[in-house]
């Protein structure tokens, strides 16, 4: 783990998984497995590129639920977390009937919410898409951007680390 607590710098979390095996690294990840449906594909029967954003949202929601601070909790606390940056790298196509696996990993959490996504063909294990999203906390009552995430969210993250 890199970063300094409470000093204005975001905590950065290194991904730990079966492929990384980094000692002394900590992260929070969640995996969702789902089937590629007919309505996800284009006329070539491969996933239309815009639907990967829907898959990313599915992964993000599962990760936030694991943390215990999903969108409903954010709203109850008076915050919205709009996406301010989204990067997507398409590596291989998924097709109708495939089963996909998205792994969502929290990599920053104190001053902004930054999540890394990897979407795989679950049967072959091939990496199909890589992405990252950045969200900032916005106070719903005033529309003011908060450059520090809500304390309740930070505590929930740190309880899982």
N, C-alpha and C. Protein backbone atom coordinates (compact mmCIF):
# COMPACT_ATOMS: atom_id res chain seq x y z
N UNK A 1 0.85 -1.17 0.00
CA UNK A 1 0.00 0.00 0.00
C UNK A 1 0.89 1.22 0.00
N UNK A 2 0.55 2.21 -0.82
CA UNK A 2 1.30 3.44 -0.89
C UNK A 2 0.38 4.58 -0.50
N UNK A 3 0.94 5.72 -0.11
CA UNK A 3 0.12 6.88 0.20
C UNK A 3 0.25 7.25 1.65
N UNK A 4 -0.22 8.43 1.96
CA UNK A 4 -0.18 8.94 3.32
C UNK A 4 -1.58 9.20 3.80
N UNK A 5 -1.89 8.78 5.00
CA UNK A 5 -3.23 8.96 5.54
C UNK A 5 -3.49 10.41 5.90
N UNK A 6 -4.65 10.88 5.56
CA UNK A 6 -5.17 12.18 5.99
C UNK A 6 -4.30 13.38 5.63
N UNK A 7 -3.42 13.27 4.63
CA UNK A 7 -2.57 14.40 4.32
C UNK A 7 -2.91 15.03 2.98
N UNK A 8 -4.04 14.67 2.43
CA UNK A 8 -4.42 15.22 1.14
C UNK A 8 -4.01 14.36 -0.03
N UNK A 9 -3.26 13.29 0.21
CA UNK A 9 -2.87 12.39 -0.86
C UNK A 9 -3.75 11.15 -0.81
N UNK A 10 -4.17 10.71 -1.95
CA UNK A 10 -5.01 9.52 -2.00
C UNK A 10 -4.22 8.29 -1.61
N UNK A 11 -4.90 7.39 -0.91
CA UNK A 11 -4.30 6.08 -0.66
C UNK A 11 -4.29 5.35 -1.99
N UNK A 12 -3.23 4.66 -2.29
CA UNK A 12 -3.16 3.84 -3.47
C UNK A 12 -3.02 2.40 -3.02
N UNK A 13 -3.86 1.55 -3.54
CA UNK A 13 -3.85 0.15 -3.15
C UNK A 13 -3.35 -0.68 -4.30
N UNK A 14 -2.43 -1.58 -4.04
CA UNK A 14 -1.92 -2.48 -5.07
C UNK A 14 -2.84 -3.69 -5.15
N UNK A 15 -3.14 -4.10 -6.36
CA UNK A 15 -4.01 -5.26 -6.57
C UNK A 15 -3.27 -6.53 -6.18
N UNK A 16 -3.92 -7.35 -5.41
CA UNK A 16 -3.37 -8.65 -5.04
C UNK A 16 -4.34 -9.69 -5.55
N UNK A 17 -3.86 -10.61 -6.28
CA UNK A 17 -4.71 -11.67 -6.80
C UNK A 17 -3.86 -12.87 -7.13
N UNK A 18 -4.48 -13.84 -7.75
CA UNK A 18 -3.76 -15.06 -8.09
C UNK A 18 -2.59 -14.79 -9.02
N UNK A 19 -2.70 -13.73 -9.83
CA UNK A 19 -1.64 -13.45 -10.79
C UNK A 19 -0.57 -12.53 -10.24
N UNK A 20 -0.80 -11.86 -9.12
CA UNK A 20 0.12 -10.83 -8.67
C UNK A 20 1.02 -11.25 -7.52
N UNK A 21 0.49 -11.92 -6.51
CA UNK A 21 1.27 -12.45 -5.40
C UNK A 21 2.29 -11.46 -4.82
N UNK A 22 1.90 -10.22 -4.65
CA UNK A 22 2.78 -9.23 -4.06
C UNK A 22 2.69 -9.30 -2.55
N UNK A 23 3.81 -9.52 -1.89
CA UNK A 23 3.83 -9.55 -0.44
C UNK A 23 3.60 -8.14 0.09
N UNK A 24 2.96 -8.03 1.24
CA UNK A 24 2.71 -6.78 1.92
C UNK A 24 1.80 -5.82 1.14
N UNK A 25 1.04 -6.29 0.18
CA UNK A 25 0.10 -5.45 -0.55
C UNK A 25 -1.31 -5.81 -0.11
N UNK A 26 -2.17 -4.82 -0.13
CA UNK A 26 -3.54 -5.02 0.32
C UNK A 26 -4.49 -4.39 -0.68
N UNK A 27 -5.62 -5.03 -0.89
CA UNK A 27 -6.64 -4.46 -1.76
C UNK A 27 -8.00 -5.04 -1.41
N UNK A 28 -9.00 -4.39 -1.94
CA UNK A 28 -10.36 -4.90 -1.84
C UNK A 28 -10.83 -5.13 -3.27
N UNK A 29 -11.21 -6.35 -3.57
CA UNK A 29 -11.69 -6.70 -4.91
C UNK A 29 -13.00 -7.46 -4.79
N UNK A 30 -13.76 -7.42 -5.87
CA UNK A 30 -14.99 -8.21 -5.95
C UNK A 30 -15.11 -8.73 -7.38
N UNK A 31 -15.61 -9.94 -7.51
CA UNK A 31 -15.77 -10.59 -8.80
C UNK A 31 -17.25 -10.85 -9.06
N UNK A 32 -17.68 -10.58 -10.29
CA UNK A 32 -19.04 -10.87 -10.72
C UNK A 32 -18.95 -11.67 -12.01
N UNK A 33 -19.69 -12.76 -12.08
CA UNK A 33 -19.75 -13.58 -13.29
C UNK A 33 -21.13 -13.40 -13.90
N UNK A 34 -21.17 -13.18 -15.22
CA UNK A 34 -22.44 -12.94 -15.89
C UNK A 34 -22.38 -13.45 -17.32
N UNK A 35 -23.54 -13.73 -17.87
CA UNK A 35 -23.66 -14.25 -19.23
C UNK A 35 -23.86 -13.09 -20.21
N UNK A 36 -23.25 -13.18 -21.37
CA UNK A 36 -23.45 -12.19 -22.42
C UNK A 36 -24.78 -12.53 -23.11
N UNK A 37 -25.71 -11.61 -22.98
CA UNK A 37 -27.06 -11.83 -23.51
C UNK A 37 -27.19 -11.26 -24.93
N UNK A 38 -28.26 -11.64 -25.61
CA UNK A 38 -28.49 -11.19 -26.99
C UNK A 38 -28.56 -9.67 -27.07
N UNK A 39 -29.17 -9.03 -26.07
CA UNK A 39 -29.32 -7.57 -26.10
C UNK A 39 -28.00 -6.84 -25.85
N UNK A 40 -26.92 -7.55 -25.52
CA UNK A 40 -25.61 -6.93 -25.31
C UNK A 40 -24.79 -6.85 -26.60
N UNK A 41 -25.22 -7.54 -27.65
CA UNK A 41 -24.37 -7.68 -28.83
C UNK A 41 -24.90 -6.88 -30.02
N UNK A 42 -24.00 -6.69 -30.98
CA UNK A 42 -24.37 -6.00 -32.21
C UNK A 42 -24.69 -7.02 -33.31
N UNK A 43 -24.77 -6.56 -34.55
CA UNK A 43 -25.15 -7.46 -35.65
C UNK A 43 -24.09 -8.53 -35.94
N UNK A 44 -22.87 -8.34 -35.43
CA UNK A 44 -21.82 -9.34 -35.61
C UNK A 44 -21.79 -10.34 -34.45
N UNK A 45 -22.76 -10.21 -33.53
CA UNK A 45 -22.90 -11.07 -32.34
C UNK A 45 -21.74 -10.94 -31.36
N UNK A 46 -21.04 -9.79 -31.41
CA UNK A 46 -20.04 -9.48 -30.38
C UNK A 46 -20.58 -8.31 -29.56
N UNK A 47 -20.08 -8.18 -28.33
CA UNK A 47 -20.59 -7.14 -27.44
C UNK A 47 -20.32 -5.77 -28.06
N UNK A 48 -21.37 -4.97 -28.15
CA UNK A 48 -21.25 -3.60 -28.61
C UNK A 48 -20.40 -2.85 -27.59
N UNK A 49 -19.45 -2.04 -28.05
CA UNK A 49 -18.46 -1.41 -27.17
C UNK A 49 -19.08 -0.62 -26.01
N UNK A 50 -20.20 0.02 -26.22
CA UNK A 50 -20.83 0.80 -25.16
C UNK A 50 -21.35 -0.04 -24.01
N UNK A 51 -21.64 -1.30 -24.26
CA UNK A 51 -22.15 -2.17 -23.19
C UNK A 51 -21.09 -2.54 -22.17
N UNK A 52 -19.82 -2.38 -22.51
CA UNK A 52 -18.78 -2.64 -21.52
C UNK A 52 -18.91 -1.68 -20.34
N UNK A 53 -19.43 -0.47 -20.59
CA UNK A 53 -19.65 0.50 -19.52
C UNK A 53 -20.71 -0.05 -18.56
N UNK A 54 -21.72 -0.69 -19.09
CA UNK A 54 -22.74 -1.33 -18.25
C UNK A 54 -22.11 -2.44 -17.40
N UNK A 55 -21.20 -3.21 -17.99
CA UNK A 55 -20.53 -4.27 -17.24
C UNK A 55 -19.67 -3.68 -16.13
N UNK A 56 -18.99 -2.57 -16.43
CA UNK A 56 -18.16 -1.88 -15.43
C UNK A 56 -19.04 -1.41 -14.27
N UNK A 57 -20.20 -0.89 -14.57
CA UNK A 57 -21.13 -0.44 -13.52
C UNK A 57 -21.56 -1.62 -12.65
N UNK A 58 -21.79 -2.75 -13.28
CA UNK A 58 -22.16 -3.97 -12.54
C UNK A 58 -21.05 -4.33 -11.55
N UNK A 59 -19.81 -4.26 -12.01
CA UNK A 59 -18.67 -4.56 -11.14
C UNK A 59 -18.49 -3.54 -10.03
N UNK A 60 -18.66 -2.26 -10.38
CA UNK A 60 -18.51 -1.20 -9.38
C UNK A 60 -19.56 -1.34 -8.28
N UNK A 61 -20.79 -1.58 -8.66
CA UNK A 61 -21.86 -1.75 -7.67
C UNK A 61 -21.57 -2.92 -6.73
N UNK A 62 -21.09 -4.03 -7.27
CA UNK A 62 -20.77 -5.19 -6.44
C UNK A 62 -19.63 -4.86 -5.47
N UNK A 63 -18.62 -4.13 -5.93
CA UNK A 63 -17.51 -3.75 -5.06
C UNK A 63 -17.99 -2.81 -3.95
N UNK A 64 -18.79 -1.81 -4.30
CA UNK A 64 -19.30 -0.88 -3.29
C UNK A 64 -20.20 -1.60 -2.28
N UNK A 65 -21.00 -2.55 -2.76
CA UNK A 65 -21.83 -3.35 -1.84
C UNK A 65 -20.96 -4.15 -0.88
N UNK A 66 -19.86 -4.70 -1.38
CA UNK A 66 -18.94 -5.46 -0.53
C UNK A 66 -18.37 -4.55 0.57
N UNK A 67 -18.05 -3.31 0.19
CA UNK A 67 -17.52 -2.34 1.15
C UNK A 67 -18.60 -1.93 2.15
N UNK A 68 -19.86 -2.01 1.73
CA UNK A 68 -20.96 -1.59 2.58
C UNK A 68 -21.31 -0.13 2.41
N UNK A 69 -20.97 0.42 1.23
CA UNK A 69 -21.23 1.83 0.97
C UNK A 69 -21.65 2.00 -0.50
N UNK A 70 -22.81 1.42 -0.82
CA UNK A 70 -23.34 1.52 -2.17
C UNK A 70 -23.99 2.87 -2.42
N UNK A 71 -24.57 3.00 -3.60
CA UNK A 71 -25.14 4.29 -4.01
C UNK A 71 -26.26 4.76 -3.08
N UNK A 72 -27.06 3.86 -2.56
CA UNK A 72 -28.13 4.29 -1.64
C UNK A 72 -27.55 4.86 -0.35
N UNK A 73 -26.47 4.24 0.16
CA UNK A 73 -25.81 4.76 1.35
C UNK A 73 -25.21 6.14 1.08
N UNK A 74 -24.62 6.31 -0.10
CA UNK A 74 -24.05 7.61 -0.47
C UNK A 74 -25.12 8.70 -0.41
N UNK A 75 -26.28 8.40 -1.02
CA UNK A 75 -27.37 9.37 -1.05
C UNK A 75 -27.89 9.65 0.36
N UNK A 76 -28.03 8.60 1.17
CA UNK A 76 -28.47 8.79 2.56
C UNK A 76 -27.53 9.71 3.32
N UNK A 77 -26.24 9.66 2.99
CA UNK A 77 -25.25 10.51 3.64
C UNK A 77 -25.11 11.88 2.97
N UNK A 78 -25.91 12.11 1.91
CA UNK A 78 -25.91 13.42 1.26
C UNK A 78 -24.86 13.60 0.18
N UNK A 79 -24.36 12.50 -0.37
CA UNK A 79 -23.33 12.59 -1.40
C UNK A 79 -23.76 11.91 -2.70
N UNK A 80 -23.27 12.46 -3.79
CA UNK A 80 -23.30 11.80 -5.08
C UNK A 80 -21.84 11.56 -5.45
N UNK A 81 -21.56 10.56 -6.22
CA UNK A 81 -20.20 10.26 -6.66
C UNK A 81 -20.16 10.17 -8.18
N UNK A 82 -20.24 11.30 -8.88
CA UNK A 82 -20.21 11.24 -10.35
C UNK A 82 -18.85 10.77 -10.87
N UNK A 83 -18.89 10.10 -11.99
CA UNK A 83 -17.66 9.69 -12.65
C UNK A 83 -17.06 10.91 -13.32
N UNK A 84 -15.78 11.17 -13.04
CA UNK A 84 -15.10 12.31 -13.64
C UNK A 84 -14.05 11.86 -14.66
N UNK A 85 -13.73 10.57 -14.64
CA UNK A 85 -12.77 10.03 -15.60
C UNK A 85 -13.06 8.55 -15.81
N UNK A 86 -12.98 8.12 -17.06
CA UNK A 86 -13.18 6.72 -17.40
C UNK A 86 -12.25 6.36 -18.54
N UNK A 87 -11.42 5.33 -18.32
CA UNK A 87 -10.52 4.84 -19.36
C UNK A 87 -10.89 3.39 -19.64
N UNK A 88 -11.00 3.06 -20.92
CA UNK A 88 -11.33 1.69 -21.31
C UNK A 88 -10.38 1.24 -22.41
N UNK A 89 -9.81 0.05 -22.25
CA UNK A 89 -8.95 -0.55 -23.26
C UNK A 89 -9.58 -1.87 -23.67
N UNK A 90 -10.00 -1.93 -24.93
CA UNK A 90 -10.61 -3.14 -25.46
C UNK A 90 -9.50 -4.03 -26.00
N UNK A 91 -9.39 -5.25 -25.46
CA UNK A 91 -8.32 -6.16 -25.83
C UNK A 91 -8.84 -7.27 -26.76
N UNK A 92 -9.93 -7.92 -26.36
CA UNK A 92 -10.58 -8.99 -27.14
C UNK A 92 -12.08 -8.84 -27.00
N UNK A 93 -12.79 -9.33 -27.98
CA UNK A 93 -14.25 -9.23 -27.95
C UNK A 93 -14.87 -10.38 -27.16
N UNK A 94 -15.95 -10.07 -26.50
CA UNK A 94 -16.83 -11.09 -25.93
C UNK A 94 -17.99 -11.25 -26.91
N UNK A 95 -18.56 -12.45 -26.95
CA UNK A 95 -19.61 -12.75 -27.92
C UNK A 95 -20.86 -13.28 -27.24
N UNK A 96 -21.95 -13.24 -27.96
CA UNK A 96 -23.21 -13.78 -27.47
C UNK A 96 -23.01 -15.20 -26.97
N UNK A 97 -23.52 -15.46 -25.77
CA UNK A 97 -23.42 -16.79 -25.17
C UNK A 97 -22.20 -17.00 -24.29
N UNK A 98 -21.18 -16.13 -24.41
CA UNK A 98 -20.02 -16.25 -23.52
C UNK A 98 -20.42 -15.96 -22.09
N UNK A 99 -19.66 -16.49 -21.17
CA UNK A 99 -19.78 -16.11 -19.77
C UNK A 99 -18.58 -15.23 -19.47
N UNK A 100 -18.84 -14.07 -18.89
CA UNK A 100 -17.78 -13.10 -18.58
C UNK A 100 -17.59 -13.01 -17.08
N UNK A 101 -16.39 -12.59 -16.70
CA UNK A 101 -16.06 -12.37 -15.29
C UNK A 101 -15.41 -11.00 -15.18
N UNK A 102 -15.97 -10.14 -14.33
CA UNK A 102 -15.36 -8.84 -14.09
C UNK A 102 -14.80 -8.81 -12.68
N UNK A 103 -13.55 -8.39 -12.57
CA UNK A 103 -12.90 -8.23 -11.28
C UNK A 103 -12.71 -6.72 -11.09
N UNK A 104 -13.32 -6.19 -10.03
CA UNK A 104 -13.24 -4.76 -9.73
C UNK A 104 -12.39 -4.60 -8.47
N UNK A 105 -11.39 -3.72 -8.55
CA UNK A 105 -10.45 -3.54 -7.45
C UNK A 105 -10.33 -2.07 -7.08
N UNK A 106 -10.53 -1.78 -5.81
CA UNK A 106 -10.37 -0.42 -5.30
C UNK A 106 -8.89 -0.10 -5.23
N UNK A 107 -8.46 1.00 -5.89
CA UNK A 107 -7.04 1.35 -5.86
C UNK A 107 -6.77 2.70 -5.20
N UNK A 108 -7.80 3.54 -5.04
CA UNK A 108 -7.68 4.77 -4.25
C UNK A 108 -9.02 5.00 -3.57
N UNK A 109 -8.97 5.58 -2.35
CA UNK A 109 -10.24 5.73 -1.65
C UNK A 109 -10.36 6.94 -0.73
N UNK A 110 -9.32 7.65 -0.45
CA UNK A 110 -9.45 8.72 0.54
C UNK A 110 -9.94 10.03 -0.07
N UNK A 111 -9.30 10.48 -1.13
CA UNK A 111 -9.68 11.76 -1.74
C UNK A 111 -10.54 11.60 -2.98
N UNK A 112 -10.56 10.41 -3.50
CA UNK A 112 -11.38 10.09 -4.66
C UNK A 112 -11.55 8.59 -4.68
N UNK A 113 -12.51 8.15 -5.44
CA UNK A 113 -12.79 6.72 -5.58
C UNK A 113 -12.25 6.30 -6.94
N UNK A 114 -11.18 5.49 -6.93
CA UNK A 114 -10.59 5.01 -8.17
C UNK A 114 -10.64 3.49 -8.16
N UNK A 115 -11.22 2.95 -9.23
CA UNK A 115 -11.42 1.50 -9.32
C UNK A 115 -10.82 1.00 -10.62
N UNK A 116 -10.14 -0.14 -10.54
CA UNK A 116 -9.60 -0.82 -11.72
C UNK A 116 -10.52 -2.00 -12.04
N UNK A 117 -10.76 -2.23 -13.31
CA UNK A 117 -11.63 -3.32 -13.77
C UNK A 117 -10.87 -4.18 -14.77
N UNK A 118 -11.08 -5.48 -14.66
CA UNK A 118 -10.58 -6.43 -15.65
C UNK A 118 -11.74 -7.34 -16.00
N UNK A 119 -12.07 -7.41 -17.29
CA UNK A 119 -13.16 -8.26 -17.76
C UNK A 119 -12.54 -9.41 -18.55
N UNK A 120 -12.89 -10.63 -18.14
CA UNK A 120 -12.34 -11.84 -18.74
C UNK A 120 -13.43 -12.67 -19.38
N UNK A 121 -13.05 -13.46 -20.38
CA UNK A 121 -13.88 -14.56 -20.84
C UNK A 121 -13.71 -15.62 -19.76
N UNK A 122 -14.78 -15.94 -19.05
CA UNK A 122 -14.66 -16.83 -17.90
C UNK A 122 -14.25 -18.25 -18.30
N UNK A 123 -14.63 -18.69 -19.48
CA UNK A 123 -14.30 -20.05 -19.91
C UNK A 123 -12.83 -20.17 -20.30
N UNK A 124 -12.32 -19.20 -21.07
CA UNK A 124 -10.94 -19.29 -21.57
C UNK A 124 -9.94 -18.62 -20.64
N UNK A 125 -10.42 -17.71 -19.78
CA UNK A 125 -9.52 -16.95 -18.92
C UNK A 125 -8.85 -15.78 -19.60
N UNK A 126 -9.17 -15.56 -20.88
CA UNK A 126 -8.55 -14.47 -21.63
C UNK A 126 -9.05 -13.12 -21.14
N UNK A 127 -8.11 -12.18 -20.98
CA UNK A 127 -8.46 -10.81 -20.63
C UNK A 127 -9.06 -10.15 -21.87
N UNK A 128 -10.26 -9.58 -21.71
CA UNK A 128 -10.95 -8.96 -22.84
C UNK A 128 -10.94 -7.43 -22.76
N UNK A 129 -11.06 -6.89 -21.57
CA UNK A 129 -11.16 -5.43 -21.40
C UNK A 129 -10.51 -5.03 -20.09
N UNK A 130 -9.78 -3.90 -20.12
CA UNK A 130 -9.23 -3.29 -18.92
C UNK A 130 -9.81 -1.89 -18.83
N UNK A 131 -10.09 -1.45 -17.61
CA UNK A 131 -10.65 -0.11 -17.45
C UNK A 131 -10.31 0.45 -16.08
N UNK A 132 -10.44 1.76 -15.94
CA UNK A 132 -10.34 2.45 -14.66
C UNK A 132 -11.36 3.56 -14.63
N UNK A 133 -11.97 3.77 -13.47
CA UNK A 133 -12.89 4.89 -13.29
C UNK A 133 -12.46 5.70 -12.08
N UNK A 134 -12.73 7.00 -12.14
CA UNK A 134 -12.47 7.91 -11.03
C UNK A 134 -13.77 8.64 -10.73
N UNK A 135 -14.13 8.67 -9.45
CA UNK A 135 -15.32 9.37 -8.99
C UNK A 135 -14.94 10.30 -7.85
N UNK A 136 -15.59 11.45 -7.80
CA UNK A 136 -15.38 12.41 -6.72
C UNK A 136 -16.67 12.55 -5.92
N UNK A 137 -16.52 12.78 -4.63
CA UNK A 137 -17.68 13.01 -3.77
C UNK A 137 -18.19 14.44 -4.00
N UNK A 138 -19.50 14.56 -4.19
CA UNK A 138 -20.14 15.86 -4.36
C UNK A 138 -21.25 15.96 -3.32
N UNK A 139 -21.25 17.04 -2.56
CA UNK A 139 -22.31 17.26 -1.57
C UNK A 139 -23.59 17.61 -2.32
N UNK A 140 -24.61 16.77 -2.16
CA UNK A 140 -25.84 16.92 -2.93
C UNK A 140 -26.59 18.21 -2.59
N UNK A 141 -26.52 18.64 -1.36
CA UNK A 141 -27.27 19.84 -0.95
C UNK A 141 -26.73 21.11 -1.61
N UNK A 142 -25.41 21.15 -1.84
CA UNK A 142 -24.80 22.37 -2.37
C UNK A 142 -24.21 22.21 -3.76
N UNK A 143 -23.99 20.96 -4.20
CA UNK A 143 -23.33 20.72 -5.48
C UNK A 143 -21.82 20.92 -5.40
N UNK A 144 -21.31 21.13 -4.19
CA UNK A 144 -19.89 21.38 -3.98
C UNK A 144 -19.10 20.07 -4.01
N UNK A 145 -17.98 20.09 -4.74
CA UNK A 145 -17.10 18.93 -4.78
C UNK A 145 -16.33 18.84 -3.48
N UNK A 146 -16.30 17.65 -2.92
CA UNK A 146 -15.53 17.39 -1.70
C UNK A 146 -14.28 16.64 -2.13
N UNK A 147 -13.13 17.18 -1.80
CA UNK A 147 -11.88 16.53 -2.21
C UNK A 147 -11.39 15.52 -1.18
N UNK A 148 -12.27 15.18 -0.25
CA UNK A 148 -12.04 14.12 0.71
C UNK A 148 -13.31 13.27 0.73
N UNK A 149 -13.17 11.97 0.66
CA UNK A 149 -14.34 11.09 0.71
C UNK A 149 -14.95 11.15 2.11
N UNK A 150 -16.25 10.84 2.20
CA UNK A 150 -16.90 10.85 3.51
C UNK A 150 -16.19 9.92 4.50
N UNK A 151 -16.08 10.37 5.74
CA UNK A 151 -15.40 9.61 6.79
C UNK A 151 -16.00 8.21 6.95
N UNK A 152 -17.32 8.11 6.84
CA UNK A 152 -17.99 6.81 6.98
C UNK A 152 -17.47 5.83 5.92
N UNK A 153 -17.31 6.30 4.69
CA UNK A 153 -16.80 5.46 3.61
C UNK A 153 -15.36 5.04 3.91
N UNK A 154 -14.53 5.99 4.30
CA UNK A 154 -13.12 5.68 4.58
C UNK A 154 -13.01 4.62 5.68
N UNK A 155 -13.81 4.76 6.73
CA UNK A 155 -13.78 3.79 7.83
C UNK A 155 -14.20 2.39 7.35
N UNK A 156 -15.21 2.33 6.49
CA UNK A 156 -15.66 1.04 5.99
C UNK A 156 -14.56 0.37 5.14
N UNK A 157 -13.88 1.16 4.32
CA UNK A 157 -12.78 0.63 3.51
C UNK A 157 -11.67 0.12 4.43
N UNK A 158 -11.26 0.95 5.37
CA UNK A 158 -10.13 0.58 6.23
C UNK A 158 -10.45 -0.62 7.11
N UNK A 159 -11.72 -0.83 7.43
CA UNK A 159 -12.11 -2.01 8.20
C UNK A 159 -11.91 -3.30 7.41
N UNK A 160 -11.92 -3.21 6.09
CA UNK A 160 -11.74 -4.39 5.23
C UNK A 160 -10.28 -4.64 4.85
N UNK A 161 -9.44 -3.66 5.07
CA UNK A 161 -8.02 -3.80 4.65
C UNK A 161 -7.22 -4.65 5.62
